[in-house]
Amino acid sequence: MPRYPKELRLGDAVAKGAYCYSDPRIPISPLGFDVLGHFAHCFYKPYTITVDFTAMSLYIARGTAAA
């Protein structure tokens, strides 16, 4: 089912009226863990993303990456 929530937040990153999709028929844990949400490329596009796999941390900053 298509959804357009008023606001989605992940830390300081915010998207308003973003397209989302939900399917109530999906099993609770099809991947072995509960998936509470999926933030797609369109959500992250205005941000610079850094993933630290050692510390299992995600860093989000507004703007493009500096070289």
C-alpha atoms as a PDB file:
ATOM      1  CA  MET A   1       0.000   0.000   0.000  1.00  0.00           C
ATOM      2  CA  PRO A   2       1.477   3.392  -0.923  1.00  0.00           C
ATOM      3  CA  ARG A   3       1.891   5.845   1.960  1.00  0.00           C
ATOM      4  CA  TYR A   4       2.964   9.477   2.277  1.00  0.00           C
ATOM      5  CA  PRO A   5       3.779  10.135   5.952  1.00  0.00           C
ATOM      6  CA  LYS A   6       3.892  13.747   7.077  1.00  0.00           C
ATOM      7  CA  GLU A   7       7.490  13.353   8.237  1.00  0.00           C
ATOM      8  CA  LEU A   8      10.236  10.701   8.407  1.00  0.00           C
ATOM      9  CA  ARG A   9      13.316  11.180  10.613  1.00  0.00           C
ATOM     10  CA  LEU A  10      16.589   9.365  11.018  1.00  0.00           C
ATOM     11  CA  GLY A  11      18.693  11.399  13.430  1.00  0.00           C
ATOM     12  CA  ASP A  12      18.865  14.946  12.023  1.00  0.00           C
ATOM     13  CA  ALA A  13      17.878  13.774   8.522  1.00  0.00           C
ATOM     14  CA  VAL A  14      14.242  14.642   7.717  1.00  0.00           C
ATOM     15  CA  ALA A  15      11.996  13.923   4.739  1.00  0.00           C
ATOM     16  CA  LYS A  16       8.499  15.391   4.504  1.00  0.00           C
ATOM     17  CA  GLY A  17       5.792  13.718   2.433  1.00  0.00           C
ATOM     18  CA  ALA A  18       8.170  11.019   1.166  1.00  0.00           C
ATOM     19  CA  TYR A  19       6.717   8.088  -0.773  1.00  0.00           C
ATOM     20  CA  CYS A  20       6.627   4.876   1.269  1.00  0.00           C
ATOM     21  CA  TYR A  21       5.180   1.443   0.796  1.00  0.00           C
ATOM     22  CA  SER A  22       3.825  -1.026   3.333  1.00  0.00           C
ATOM     23  CA  ASP A  23       2.552  -4.553   2.926  1.00  0.00           C
ATOM     24  CA  PRO A  24       0.637  -5.981   5.897  1.00  0.00           C
ATOM     25  CA  ARG A  25       1.077  -9.500   4.460  1.00  0.00           C
ATOM     26  CA  ILE A  26       4.867  -9.506   4.958  1.00  0.00           C
ATOM     27  CA  PRO A  27       5.931 -11.854   7.767  1.00  0.00           C
ATOM     28  CA  ILE A  28       7.257 -10.164  10.896  1.00  0.00           C
ATOM     29  CA  SER A  29      10.861 -11.395  10.477  1.00  0.00           C
ATOM     30  CA  PRO A  30      11.465 -12.639   6.929  1.00  0.00           C
ATOM     31  CA  LEU A  31      15.187 -11.757   7.138  1.00  0.00           C
ATOM     32  CA  GLY A  32      15.826 -13.082  10.645  1.00  0.00           C
ATOM     33  CA  PHE A  33      15.388  -9.640  12.230  1.00  0.00           C
ATOM     34  CA  ASP A  34      12.494  -7.212  12.459  1.00  0.00           C
ATOM     35  CA  VAL A  35      12.531  -4.590   9.706  1.00  0.00           C
ATOM     36  CA  LEU A  36      10.979  -1.492  11.243  1.00  0.00           C
ATOM     37  CA  GLY A  37      11.613   0.736   8.254  1.00  0.00           C
ATOM     38  CA  HIS A  38      13.442   1.097   4.986  1.00  0.00           C
ATOM     39  CA  PHE A  39      15.048   4.421   4.064  1.00  0.00           C
ATOM     40  CA  ALA A  40      15.660   4.364   0.302  1.00  0.00           C
ATOM     41  CA  HIS A  41      18.088   6.308  -1.886  1.00  0.00           C
ATOM     42  CA  CYS A  42      15.692   9.256  -2.332  1.00  0.00           C
ATOM     43  CA  PHE A  43      15.755   9.828   1.450  1.00  0.00           C
ATOM     44  CA  TYR A  44      19.562   9.898   1.647  1.00  0.00           C
ATOM     45  CA  LYS A  45      20.202  11.845  -1.585  1.00  0.00           C
ATOM     46  CA  PRO A  46      20.651  15.324   0.024  1.00  0.00           C
ATOM     47  CA  TYR A  47      23.086  13.910   2.609  1.00  0.00           C
ATOM     48  CA  THR A  48      26.618  12.583   2.857  1.00  0.00           C
ATOM     49  CA  ILE A  49      26.545   9.094   4.368  1.00  0.00           C
ATOM     50  CA  THR A  50      29.404   7.308   6.113  1.00  0.00           C
ATOM     51  CA  VAL A  51      29.047   3.753   7.394  1.00  0.00           C
ATOM     52  CA  ASP A  52      31.511   2.485   9.999  1.00  0.00           C
ATOM     53  CA  PHE A  53      31.144  -1.289   9.808  1.00  0.00           C
ATOM     54  CA  THR A  54      33.637  -1.864  12.632  1.00  0.00           C
ATOM     55  CA  ALA A  55      31.654   0.188  15.150  1.00  0.00           C
ATOM     56  CA  MET A  56      28.336  -0.539  13.355  1.00  0.00           C
ATOM     57  CA  SER A  57      27.557   3.197  13.147  1.00  0.00           C
ATOM     58  CA  LEU A  58      25.881   5.326  10.483  1.00  0.00           C
ATOM     59  CA  TYR A  59      26.835   9.006  10.137  1.00  0.00           C
ATOM     60  CA  ILE A  60      24.629  11.456   8.226  1.00  0.00           C
ATOM     61  CA  ALA A  61      25.608  15.028   7.303  1.00  0.00           C
ATOM     62  CA  ARG A  62      23.786  17.513   5.088  1.00  0.00           C
ATOM     63  CA  GLY A  63      25.530  18.399   1.810  1.00  0.00           C
ATOM     64  CA  THR A  64      27.947  16.760  -0.570  1.00  0.00           C
ATOM     65  CA  ALA A  65      31.077  14.889   0.464  1.00  0.00           C
ATOM     66  CA  ALA A  66      34.313  16.860   0.634  1.00  0.00           C
ATOM     67  CA  ALA A  67      37.292  15.401  -1.196  1.00  0.00           C
END
